[in-house]
């Protein structure tokens, strides 16, 4: 994909996606009833996802079922996270190999993780998603190369994006605004690297950016996370991944420092997502009218499960299980693929990996209800 296409996608994703142009869902078969996914279903769903989207030649994922183009650079890091979650669940050597394969695919395609290449990397958060994934891959495998690239990527973003005068992280190289998609992932990356290295400077950076984010990208009454802050003006657009990374950042700080306010803020953000952003039945928004938004709930899934598991907030677990069961029940039975809009039958034609990813992702880390 040419850089102009990436830029267009990035602008759509990180600035102000329009919800007014969403096309009606095409008709499909009647949804399955009474579905309760199992561990076996989780494995099946992941295998189906790989069958239709994984490029064995590129060792990365296609943008859609036509298998003509590799998907957006930042979403590959999310799919890599999913591969790690699968291995944690399965402990299968084949799943461990996929982790190293995806790393190799990114290494070959993205200029050997050369963070200074402004053709491959043209917004800071694209780098930061990979920084997080590289750090996690090191935690899981002990591979030092993963850690070295994570550390150098973090430094590249921090040096270019952090505002030492007013605080916070700019999301783009032109410093047009400070978005949640860079600020809270920066906290997550810093806390992950702090856990690995015990370098206190990462903890200090995490606390500083999170503190700025609470003051400039968060509503302490409702738990709503703003999409961006441009020159002091909050852009109030609701996206599940912003809620999710805020939750993850808060939980990681809470687990390290122990201050109850962090946990309170995480719970507030989770409750806003459940009670306000979701429908009356608790089903999360569709997100992703033929663009990369389809992957957002996968990111949310990673961090809501962190809140549930690491901070013992089990009250949110039935809600996540219900969303997964709804999506799995509405899967394309022929291909076994799920859809971004959990409430309707999955489309049977061309399908994006982005919009097929989130329920599969959550199935790998969320325990079944039964």
Protein backbone atom coordinates (compact mmCIF):
# COMPACT_ATOMS: atom_id res chain seq x y z
CA UNK A 1 0.00 0.00 0.00
CA UNK A 2 1.32 3.43 -0.89
CA UNK A 3 2.08 5.94 1.82
CA UNK A 4 -0.75 8.19 0.65
CA UNK A 5 -3.19 5.37 1.37
CA UNK A 6 -1.65 4.80 4.78
CA UNK A 7 -1.88 8.51 5.53
CA UNK A 8 -5.52 8.61 4.54
CA UNK A 9 -6.24 5.62 6.72
CA UNK A 10 -4.35 7.16 9.62
CA UNK A 11 -6.19 10.44 9.32
CA UNK A 12 -9.50 8.62 9.25
CA UNK A 13 -8.57 6.53 12.25
CA UNK A 14 -6.92 9.00 14.56
CA UNK A 15 -8.62 12.31 13.84
CA UNK A 16 -12.37 12.28 13.28
CA UNK A 17 -13.88 9.18 11.68
CA UNK A 18 -17.29 10.07 10.35
CA UNK A 19 -20.17 7.99 11.64
CA UNK A 20 -22.61 9.59 9.21
CA UNK A 21 -21.54 7.57 6.16
CA UNK A 22 -21.98 4.09 7.57
CA UNK A 23 -23.60 1.88 4.95
CA UNK A 24 -26.43 -0.47 5.93
CA UNK A 25 -25.41 -4.02 6.63
CA UNK A 26 -26.16 -6.42 3.75
CA UNK A 27 -28.69 -9.13 4.47
CA UNK A 28 -27.42 -12.48 5.67
CA UNK A 29 -28.59 -15.73 7.23
CA UNK A 30 -30.48 -15.75 10.49
CA UNK A 31 -28.17 -15.60 13.52
CA UNK A 32 -27.44 -18.71 15.53
CA UNK A 33 -29.17 -18.87 18.87
CA UNK A 34 -27.97 -19.69 22.37
CA UNK A 35 -24.28 -19.87 21.55
CA UNK A 36 -21.76 -20.19 24.36
CA UNK A 37 -18.22 -20.35 22.99
CA UNK A 38 -15.72 -22.94 24.22
CA UNK A 39 -11.93 -23.19 24.36
CA UNK A 40 -12.14 -25.39 21.27
CA UNK A 41 -14.11 -22.63 19.53
CA UNK A 42 -11.33 -20.17 20.39
CA UNK A 43 -8.79 -22.38 18.65
CA UNK A 44 -11.11 -22.89 15.68
CA UNK A 45 -11.79 -19.17 15.33
CA UNK A 46 -8.05 -18.39 15.30
CA UNK A 47 -7.33 -21.10 12.75
CA UNK A 48 -10.10 -19.76 10.53
CA UNK A 49 -8.74 -16.23 10.85
CA UNK A 50 -5.32 -17.42 9.76
CA UNK A 51 -6.72 -19.47 6.91
CA UNK A 52 -8.40 -16.48 5.33
CA UNK A 53 -6.03 -13.65 6.26
CA UNK A 54 -2.50 -14.87 7.02
CA UNK A 55 0.09 -14.66 4.26
CA UNK A 56 2.59 -17.48 4.68
CA UNK A 57 4.88 -15.76 2.18
CA UNK A 58 4.85 -12.35 3.86
CA UNK A 59 4.35 -13.70 7.40
CA UNK A 60 1.90 -10.88 7.96
CA UNK A 61 -1.84 -10.46 7.49
CA UNK A 62 -3.81 -9.43 4.44
CA UNK A 63 -6.16 -6.49 4.54
CA UNK A 64 -9.12 -8.61 3.44
CA UNK A 65 -10.22 -11.99 2.12
CA UNK A 66 -9.22 -11.07 -1.44
CA UNK A 67 -5.58 -11.50 -0.30
CA UNK A 68 -4.27 -8.78 -2.59
CA UNK A 69 -2.71 -6.35 -0.12
CA UNK A 70 -1.05 -6.66 3.26
CA UNK A 71 -2.96 -4.88 6.03
CA UNK A 72 -2.05 -1.58 7.69
CA UNK A 73 1.28 -1.45 9.51
CA UNK A 74 -0.08 -0.79 13.00
CA UNK A 75 -2.71 -3.52 12.85
CA UNK A 76 0.00 -6.12 12.28
CA UNK A 77 1.25 -5.40 15.81
CA UNK A 78 -2.25 -6.12 17.14
CA UNK A 79 -2.37 -9.40 15.23
CA UNK A 80 1.06 -10.21 16.68
CA UNK A 81 -0.35 -9.60 20.17
CA UNK A 82 -3.12 -12.03 19.31
CA UNK A 83 -0.56 -14.66 18.30
CA UNK A 84 1.15 -14.24 21.67
CA UNK A 85 -2.15 -14.62 23.47
CA UNK A 86 -2.83 -17.81 21.52
CA UNK A 87 0.53 -19.28 22.54
CA UNK A 88 -0.13 -18.41 26.19
CA UNK A 89 -3.40 -20.30 25.90
CA UNK A 90 -2.13 -23.30 23.91
CA UNK A 91 1.56 -23.68 24.77
CA UNK A 92 1.83 -25.22 21.30
CA UNK A 93 5.27 -25.02 19.62
CA UNK A 94 3.55 -24.19 16.32
CA UNK A 95 2.00 -21.12 17.93
CA UNK A 96 5.39 -20.13 19.33
CA UNK A 97 6.84 -20.36 15.84
CA UNK A 98 4.16 -18.03 14.52
CA UNK A 99 5.36 -15.40 17.00
CA UNK A 100 8.87 -15.50 15.53
CA UNK A 101 7.46 -15.66 12.00
CA UNK A 102 5.38 -12.49 12.41
CA UNK A 103 8.40 -10.72 13.86
CA UNK A 104 10.39 -11.79 10.81
CA UNK A 105 7.59 -10.62 8.51
CA UNK A 106 7.63 -7.17 10.08
CA UNK A 107 11.43 -7.05 10.05
CA UNK A 108 11.52 -7.78 6.33
CA UNK A 109 8.67 -5.49 5.34
CA UNK A 110 9.29 -2.47 7.59
CA UNK A 111 12.94 -1.78 6.90
CA UNK A 112 14.27 -3.97 9.71
CA UNK A 113 12.33 -1.92 12.28
CA UNK A 114 14.24 1.18 11.30
CA UNK A 115 12.26 3.72 13.32
CA UNK A 116 13.91 6.61 11.48
CA UNK A 117 12.43 5.59 8.12
CA UNK A 118 9.69 8.19 7.70
CA UNK A 119 8.22 6.40 4.70
CA UNK A 120 7.38 3.29 6.67
CA UNK A 121 6.65 5.12 9.94
CA UNK A 122 4.84 8.42 9.58
CA UNK A 123 2.87 8.78 12.80
CA UNK A 124 4.11 8.09 16.30
CA UNK A 125 1.41 5.74 17.45
CA UNK A 126 2.14 3.31 14.59
CA UNK A 127 5.57 2.87 16.15
CA UNK A 128 4.26 2.67 19.70
CA UNK A 129 1.92 -0.26 18.98
CA UNK A 130 4.98 -2.19 17.79
CA UNK A 131 7.02 -1.03 20.79
CA UNK A 132 4.41 -2.57 23.10
CA UNK A 133 4.25 -5.80 21.12
CA UNK A 134 8.03 -6.14 20.93
CA UNK A 135 8.30 -5.73 24.69
CA UNK A 136 5.60 -8.35 25.25
CA UNK A 137 7.32 -10.72 22.83
CA UNK A 138 10.52 -10.34 24.83
CA UNK A 139 8.66 -11.09 28.06
CA UNK A 140 7.25 -14.23 26.51
CA UNK A 141 10.34 -15.55 24.73
CA UNK A 142 13.37 -13.84 26.28
CA UNK A 143 14.58 -12.81 22.81
CA UNK A 144 16.89 -9.83 23.35
CA UNK A 145 16.42 -8.51 19.80
CA UNK A 146 12.76 -7.88 20.61
CA UNK A 147 13.71 -5.87 23.69
CA UNK A 148 16.40 -3.88 21.86
CA UNK A 149 13.95 -2.82 19.16
CA UNK A 150 11.31 -1.98 21.76
CA UNK A 151 13.74 0.21 23.71
CA UNK A 152 14.99 2.02 20.60
CA UNK A 153 11.44 2.50 19.31
CA UNK A 154 10.30 3.96 22.61
CA UNK A 155 13.23 6.38 22.58
CA UNK A 156 12.42 7.41 19.01
CA UNK A 157 8.83 8.21 19.92
CA UNK A 158 9.61 9.88 23.22
CA UNK A 159 12.26 12.14 21.72
CA UNK A 160 9.99 13.18 18.88
CA UNK A 161 6.53 13.23 20.45
CA UNK A 162 6.82 14.32 24.08
CA UNK A 163 6.11 17.96 24.82
CA UNK A 164 8.53 18.98 27.59
CA UNK A 165 6.83 22.34 28.06
CA UNK A 166 3.12 21.53 28.23
CA UNK A 167 3.30 17.77 28.69
CA UNK A 168 1.65 14.97 26.75
CA UNK A 169 2.54 13.19 23.52
CA UNK A 170 1.89 14.40 19.98
CA UNK A 171 0.45 11.71 17.72
CA UNK A 172 1.93 12.90 14.41
CA UNK A 173 5.28 14.17 13.21
CA UNK A 174 3.77 17.62 12.53
CA UNK A 175 2.61 17.96 16.16
CA UNK A 176 -0.94 18.81 15.17
CA UNK A 177 -2.56 17.32 18.26
CA UNK A 178 -2.15 15.06 21.29
CA UNK A 179 -4.32 11.99 20.87
CA UNK A 180 -5.28 9.22 23.23
CA UNK A 181 -3.94 6.70 20.71
CA UNK A 182 -0.37 7.78 21.51
CA UNK A 183 -0.59 8.97 25.12
CA UNK A 184 -2.06 5.91 26.83
CA UNK A 185 -0.14 3.37 24.71
CA UNK A 186 3.00 5.29 25.73
CA UNK A 187 2.10 4.65 29.37
CA UNK A 188 1.55 0.96 28.63
CA UNK A 189 4.86 0.69 26.77
CA UNK A 190 6.74 2.53 29.52
CA UNK A 191 5.24 0.36 32.24
CA UNK A 192 6.03 -2.82 30.30
CA UNK A 193 9.63 -1.72 29.78
CA UNK A 194 9.87 -0.70 33.42
CA UNK A 195 8.78 -4.17 34.47
CA UNK A 196 11.42 -5.72 32.19
CA UNK A 197 14.35 -3.37 32.87
CA UNK A 198 13.58 -1.92 36.32
CA UNK A 199 14.71 1.40 34.88
CA UNK A 200 12.90 4.00 37.02
CA UNK A 201 12.91 6.55 34.19
CA UNK A 202 10.21 4.51 32.43
CA UNK A 203 8.00 4.67 35.51
CA UNK A 204 8.47 8.42 35.77
CA UNK A 205 7.58 8.87 32.10
CA UNK A 206 4.50 6.71 32.52
CA UNK A 207 3.28 8.68 35.53
CA UNK A 208 3.88 12.01 33.79
CA UNK A 209 2.03 11.08 30.58
CA UNK A 210 -0.83 9.41 32.43
CA UNK A 211 -1.24 12.43 34.68
CA UNK A 212 -1.35 14.71 31.65
CA UNK A 213 -3.85 12.38 29.98
CA UNK A 214 -6.20 12.34 32.96
CA UNK A 215 -6.25 16.13 32.95
CA UNK A 216 -6.53 16.60 29.20
CA UNK A 217 -8.14 13.48 27.68
CA UNK A 218 -10.50 12.19 30.36
CA UNK A 219 -13.80 13.07 31.98
CA UNK A 220 -13.44 12.17 35.67
CA UNK A 221 -17.21 12.21 36.16
CA UNK A 222 -18.35 9.91 33.34
CA UNK A 223 -15.21 7.90 32.57
CA UNK A 224 -15.26 9.01 28.95
CA UNK A 225 -11.92 9.19 27.15
CA UNK A 226 -11.50 11.88 24.51
CA UNK A 227 -10.04 10.94 21.15
CA UNK A 228 -7.73 13.95 20.99
CA UNK A 229 -6.70 17.29 22.41
CA UNK A 230 -5.79 19.99 19.91
CA UNK A 231 -4.46 23.19 21.44
CA UNK A 232 -6.27 22.54 24.69
CA UNK A 233 -9.60 21.56 23.12
CA UNK A 234 -10.79 18.01 23.76
CA UNK A 235 -12.21 16.07 20.83
CA UNK A 236 -15.01 13.99 22.32
CA UNK A 237 -15.35 11.02 20.01
CA UNK A 238 -15.96 7.60 21.54
CA UNK A 239 -13.72 4.72 20.48
CA UNK A 240 -13.29 1.45 22.32
CA UNK A 241 -9.52 1.34 21.89
CA UNK A 242 -9.10 4.68 23.66
CA UNK A 243 -11.20 3.43 26.55
CA UNK A 244 -9.14 0.26 26.52
CA UNK A 245 -5.67 1.77 26.54
CA UNK A 246 -6.73 4.18 29.27
CA UNK A 247 -7.88 1.20 31.32
CA UNK A 248 -4.64 -0.67 30.64
CA UNK A 249 -2.49 2.29 31.59
CA UNK A 250 -4.42 2.82 34.82
CA UNK A 251 -4.30 -0.86 35.80
CA UNK A 252 -0.56 -1.12 35.19
CA UNK A 253 0.10 1.92 37.35
CA UNK A 254 -2.25 0.62 40.02
CA UNK A 255 -0.52 -2.74 40.12
CA UNK A 256 2.89 -1.08 40.44
CA UNK A 257 2.17 1.85 42.74
CA UNK A 258 -0.95 0.70 44.56
CA UNK A 259 -2.78 4.04 44.48
CA UNK A 260 -6.52 3.32 44.53
CA UNK A 261 -7.34 6.29 42.29
CA UNK A 262 -5.84 4.45 39.32
CA UNK A 263 -8.19 1.51 39.81
CA UNK A 264 -11.15 3.82 40.33
CA UNK A 265 -10.41 5.55 37.03
CA UNK A 266 -10.04 2.24 35.21
CA UNK A 267 -13.38 1.03 36.54
CA UNK A 268 -15.04 4.29 35.58
CA UNK A 269 -13.75 4.03 32.00
CA UNK A 270 -14.88 0.40 31.77
CA UNK A 271 -18.32 1.28 33.08
CA UNK A 272 -18.68 4.09 30.54
CA UNK A 273 -17.85 1.65 27.75
CA UNK A 274 -20.35 -0.89 29.08
CA UNK A 275 -23.23 1.41 30.01
CA UNK A 276 -22.94 4.32 27.58
CA UNK A 277 -21.04 3.20 24.49
CA UNK A 278 -22.72 -0.22 24.32
CA UNK A 279 -26.36 -0.77 23.43
CA UNK A 280 -29.13 -1.55 25.91
CA UNK A 281 -28.09 -5.21 25.89
CA UNK A 282 -24.45 -4.37 26.53
CA UNK A 283 -23.22 -5.12 23.00
CA UNK A 284 -20.32 -2.91 22.05
CA UNK A 285 -20.46 -0.60 19.00
CA UNK A 286 -19.71 -1.97 15.53
CA UNK A 287 -16.87 0.42 14.64
CA UNK A 288 -15.23 0.15 11.24
CA UNK A 289 -17.19 0.98 8.12
CA UNK A 290 -14.60 -0.54 5.75
CA UNK A 291 -11.60 0.91 7.55
CA UNK A 292 -9.14 0.01 10.29
CA UNK A 293 -11.59 0.82 13.07
CA UNK A 294 -12.65 -2.80 12.93
CA UNK A 295 -9.62 -3.76 15.02
CA UNK A 296 -10.40 -1.36 17.88
CA UNK A 297 -12.39 -3.78 20.03
CA UNK A 298 -9.47 -6.22 19.90
CA UNK A 299 -7.36 -3.61 21.67
CA UNK A 300 -10.15 -2.96 24.14
CA UNK A 301 -10.35 -6.69 24.80
CA UNK A 302 -6.66 -6.87 25.75
CA UNK A 303 -7.04 -4.24 28.46
CA UNK A 304 -10.49 -4.99 29.81
CA UNK A 305 -9.20 -8.50 30.48
CA UNK A 306 -6.21 -6.93 32.24
CA UNK A 307 -8.66 -5.09 34.49
CA UNK A 308 -10.62 -8.29 35.09
CA UNK A 309 -7.63 -10.55 35.72
CA UNK A 310 -4.87 -8.35 37.12
CA UNK A 311 -7.09 -6.05 39.18
CA UNK A 312 -9.70 -8.67 40.14
CA UNK A 313 -12.64 -6.81 38.62
CA UNK A 314 -14.68 -9.87 37.66
CA UNK A 315 -17.92 -7.87 37.46
CA UNK A 316 -17.06 -7.06 33.83
CA UNK A 317 -16.45 -10.67 32.75
CA UNK A 318 -20.07 -11.69 31.90
CA UNK A 319 -20.36 -8.58 29.72
CA UNK A 320 -17.31 -9.54 27.66
CA UNK A 321 -18.46 -13.16 27.41
CA UNK A 322 -21.84 -11.97 26.16
CA UNK A 323 -20.22 -9.88 23.43
CA UNK A 324 -18.07 -12.80 22.31
CA UNK A 325 -21.03 -15.20 22.30
CA UNK A 326 -23.08 -12.75 20.26
CA UNK A 327 -20.33 -12.34 17.68
CA UNK A 328 -19.58 -16.08 17.53
CA UNK A 329 -23.26 -16.86 17.19
CA UNK A 330 -23.48 -14.51 14.23
CA UNK A 331 -20.34 -15.84 12.52
CA UNK A 332 -20.23 -16.80 8.87
CA UNK A 333 -20.86 -20.51 9.36
CA UNK A 334 -19.22 -21.48 6.07
CA UNK A 335 -15.92 -19.71 6.74
CA UNK A 336 -16.11 -19.53 10.52
CA UNK A 337 -15.30 -15.79 10.48
CA UNK A 338 -16.70 -13.19 12.86
CA UNK A 339 -17.72 -9.61 12.12
CA UNK A 340 -17.15 -6.18 13.62
CA UNK A 341 -20.89 -5.70 14.22
CA UNK A 342 -21.58 -8.47 16.69
CA UNK A 343 -25.36 -8.03 16.48
CA UNK A 344 -25.84 -8.98 12.83
CA UNK A 345 -24.88 -12.01 10.76
CA UNK A 346 -21.35 -11.77 9.38
CA UNK A 347 -21.16 -10.70 5.76
CA UNK A 348 -20.54 -13.57 3.40
CA UNK A 349 -18.59 -11.67 0.74
CA UNK A 350 -15.31 -9.80 0.93
CA UNK A 351 -14.37 -9.26 4.58
CA UNK A 352 -11.55 -7.24 6.13
CA UNK A 353 -9.13 -8.78 8.60
CA UNK A 354 -9.70 -5.67 10.73
CA UNK A 355 -13.42 -6.24 11.08
CA UNK A 356 -13.01 -10.00 11.54
CA UNK A 357 -10.39 -9.73 14.30
CA UNK A 358 -11.86 -8.43 17.53
CA UNK A 359 -14.10 -11.29 18.64
CA UNK A 360 -11.40 -13.83 17.71
CA UNK A 361 -8.88 -11.83 19.70
CA UNK A 362 -11.07 -11.73 22.79
CA UNK A 363 -11.78 -15.45 22.56
CA UNK A 364 -8.09 -16.14 23.11
CA UNK A 365 -7.92 -14.30 26.45
CA UNK A 366 -11.44 -14.48 27.85
CA UNK A 367 -12.51 -17.71 29.56
CA UNK A 368 -15.78 -19.26 28.35
CA UNK A 369 -18.83 -18.87 30.55
CA UNK A 370 -19.10 -22.64 30.86
